[in-house]
């Protein structure tokens, strides 16, 4: 029992400085995606800006991504996706996981998307770089559409 109490005390003492490092984060990234099912189609490039809030240093981040697709902008269509995200980035490991929700065209015919991403990256003094691969299935008129996406970017925590 004494070892358990000492272990809990050590974890609490190590976590206290990280709890004091909560703050805002801004992330920007460039992505390239493809529809994998029901048929293969290249989605093209996308730009995402994701403001959010970091807890426990940069270990846990809550973000809301605003995504614009370049191909749709070139065609004169305005199509935006909102992506609420939860990022878990352990400080010792060079990789992270990201849970992604998504609302396609939130001001029109809304479609729900969900998925996850696995990425690698790191940060120094609040500036970070990352690269990730994501899987984002969604339902379009009752048909399941599977999307794969690769994304690179950076973030600033303050």
Protein backbone atom coordinates (compact mmCIF):
# COMPACT_ATOMS: atom_id res chain seq x y z
CA UNK A 1 0.00 0.00 0.00
CA UNK A 2 2.87 2.32 0.79
CA UNK A 3 4.37 1.79 -2.70
CA UNK A 4 1.01 2.61 -4.29
CA UNK A 5 0.73 5.84 -2.30
CA UNK A 6 4.28 6.86 -3.22
CA UNK A 7 3.59 6.11 -6.90
CA UNK A 8 0.40 8.21 -6.87
CA UNK A 9 2.26 11.05 -5.14
CA UNK A 10 5.04 10.93 -7.76
CA UNK A 11 2.53 11.01 -10.64
CA UNK A 12 0.66 13.93 -9.03
CA UNK A 13 3.86 15.91 -8.52
CA UNK A 14 4.93 15.32 -12.13
CA UNK A 15 1.50 16.25 -13.52
CA UNK A 16 1.09 19.51 -11.56
CA UNK A 17 3.44 21.60 -13.72
CA UNK A 18 1.79 20.28 -16.90
CA UNK A 19 -1.70 21.26 -15.65
CA UNK A 20 -0.51 24.82 -15.31
CA UNK A 21 0.47 24.90 -18.99
CA UNK A 22 -3.02 25.01 -20.44
CA UNK A 23 -3.56 27.54 -23.22
CA UNK A 24 -4.67 28.30 -26.74
CA UNK A 25 -3.32 26.64 -29.87
CA UNK A 26 -3.62 27.51 -33.56
CA UNK A 27 -2.94 24.85 -36.18
CA UNK A 28 -2.66 25.16 -39.95
CA UNK A 29 -2.23 22.33 -42.43
CA UNK A 30 -2.34 21.34 -46.08
CA UNK A 31 -3.97 18.03 -47.00
CA UNK A 32 -4.46 15.81 -49.99
CA UNK A 33 -7.30 13.29 -50.07
CA UNK A 34 -8.89 10.55 -52.11
CA UNK A 35 -12.24 8.80 -52.04
CA UNK A 36 -11.58 5.07 -51.73
CA UNK A 37 -15.10 3.65 -51.86
CA UNK A 38 -17.58 3.26 -53.61
CA UNK A 39 -15.28 4.36 -56.44
CA UNK A 40 -11.79 5.84 -56.50
CA UNK A 41 -11.74 9.62 -56.98
CA UNK A 42 -9.05 12.13 -56.11
CA UNK A 43 -10.40 14.81 -53.78
CA UNK A 44 -7.53 17.25 -54.33
CA UNK A 45 -5.83 19.62 -51.94
CA UNK A 46 -7.43 21.08 -48.85
CA UNK A 47 -6.46 23.79 -46.41
CA UNK A 48 -7.36 23.58 -42.72
CA UNK A 49 -7.14 26.18 -39.98
CA UNK A 50 -7.87 24.81 -36.51
CA UNK A 51 -7.96 27.01 -33.44
CA UNK A 52 -8.23 25.18 -30.15
CA UNK A 53 -7.29 24.79 -26.53
CA UNK A 54 -4.43 22.68 -25.15
CA UNK A 55 -4.54 21.00 -21.75
CA UNK A 56 -1.67 19.40 -19.84
CA UNK A 57 0.90 21.25 -21.92
CA UNK A 58 0.29 19.98 -25.43
CA UNK A 59 -0.71 16.44 -24.39
CA UNK A 60 -4.45 16.93 -24.92
CA UNK A 61 -5.80 19.40 -27.48
CA UNK A 62 -9.40 20.24 -28.33
CA UNK A 63 -9.65 21.86 -31.77
CA UNK A 64 -12.26 23.00 -34.28
CA UNK A 65 -10.96 22.71 -37.83
CA UNK A 66 -12.29 24.77 -40.74
CA UNK A 67 -11.52 22.93 -44.00
CA UNK A 68 -11.72 24.30 -47.55
CA UNK A 69 -11.09 22.17 -50.64
CA UNK A 70 -9.08 23.80 -53.42
CA UNK A 71 -10.86 22.03 -56.29
CA UNK A 72 -14.18 23.37 -55.12
CA UNK A 73 -12.83 26.90 -54.80
CA UNK A 74 -11.46 26.72 -58.37
CA UNK A 75 -14.93 25.74 -59.62
CA UNK A 76 -16.53 28.68 -57.81
CA UNK A 77 -18.28 26.45 -55.26
CA UNK A 78 -17.94 27.38 -51.61
CA UNK A 79 -17.86 24.21 -49.59
CA UNK A 80 -16.63 24.16 -46.01
CA UNK A 81 -16.28 21.37 -43.49
CA UNK A 82 -16.23 21.84 -39.72
CA UNK A 83 -14.11 19.27 -37.90
CA UNK A 84 -14.24 19.07 -34.11
CA UNK A 85 -11.11 17.14 -33.07
CA UNK A 86 -9.48 15.65 -30.00
CA UNK A 87 -5.69 15.18 -30.18
CA UNK A 88 -3.80 12.98 -27.72
CA UNK A 89 -0.05 13.65 -28.01
CA UNK A 90 2.05 11.85 -25.37
CA UNK A 91 5.14 13.95 -24.54
CA UNK A 92 7.66 11.09 -24.65
CA UNK A 93 6.50 9.46 -27.89
CA UNK A 94 6.99 10.98 -31.38
CA UNK A 95 3.47 10.02 -32.56
CA UNK A 96 -0.07 11.09 -31.72
CA UNK A 97 -3.67 10.11 -32.41
CA UNK A 98 -6.47 12.41 -33.48
CA UNK A 99 -10.18 11.69 -33.22
CA UNK A 100 -12.09 13.56 -35.93
CA UNK A 101 -15.74 14.44 -36.33
CA UNK A 102 -16.91 16.36 -39.34
CA UNK A 103 -19.88 18.25 -40.69
CA UNK A 104 -19.80 18.71 -44.46
CA UNK A 105 -21.49 21.89 -45.68
CA UNK A 106 -22.84 22.96 -42.25
CA UNK A 107 -24.95 25.74 -43.82
CA UNK A 108 -26.60 23.52 -46.44
CA UNK A 109 -27.17 19.78 -46.81
CA UNK A 110 -25.26 18.56 -43.74
CA UNK A 111 -23.44 15.24 -43.85
CA UNK A 112 -21.79 13.70 -40.82
CA UNK A 113 -18.26 12.33 -41.11
CA UNK A 114 -16.11 10.72 -38.44
CA UNK A 115 -12.72 9.12 -38.28
CA UNK A 116 -9.23 9.10 -36.86
CA UNK A 117 -5.70 10.03 -37.80
CA UNK A 118 -2.30 8.76 -36.78
CA UNK A 119 0.60 11.17 -37.07
CA UNK A 120 4.19 11.93 -36.21
CA UNK A 121 5.53 15.23 -35.06
CA UNK A 122 7.12 17.24 -32.35
CA UNK A 123 7.30 20.67 -30.82
CA UNK A 124 9.80 22.97 -29.19
CA UNK A 125 8.74 25.98 -27.13
CA UNK A 126 5.16 25.82 -28.40
CA UNK A 127 6.04 25.58 -32.12
CA UNK A 128 5.33 22.22 -33.70
CA UNK A 129 5.34 20.39 -37.02
CA UNK A 130 3.41 17.25 -37.92
CA UNK A 131 2.48 14.81 -40.68
CA UNK A 132 -0.53 12.50 -40.46
CA UNK A 133 -2.68 9.99 -42.30
CA UNK A 134 -6.43 9.94 -41.70
CA UNK A 135 -9.40 7.71 -42.50
CA UNK A 136 -12.75 9.56 -42.69
CA UNK A 137 -15.85 7.57 -43.66
CA UNK A 138 -19.13 9.44 -44.19
CA UNK A 139 -22.60 8.70 -45.48
CA UNK A 140 -23.77 10.50 -48.62
CA UNK A 141 -27.46 9.84 -49.35
CA UNK A 142 -27.34 6.48 -47.57
CA UNK A 143 -24.17 5.38 -49.37
CA UNK A 144 -20.98 4.92 -47.36
CA UNK A 145 -18.10 6.95 -48.75
CA UNK A 146 -14.58 6.15 -47.45
CA UNK A 147 -12.01 8.94 -47.58
CA UNK A 148 -8.26 8.70 -47.00
CA UNK A 149 -6.28 11.86 -46.35
CA UNK A 150 -2.63 12.81 -45.85
CA UNK A 151 -1.89 16.10 -44.12
CA UNK A 152 1.21 18.13 -43.13
CA UNK A 153 1.26 21.27 -41.05
CA UNK A 154 2.30 23.13 -38.00
CA UNK A 155 0.90 24.59 -34.81
CA UNK A 156 1.63 27.30 -32.30
CA UNK A 157 0.65 26.92 -28.64
CA UNK A 158 0.52 30.05 -26.49
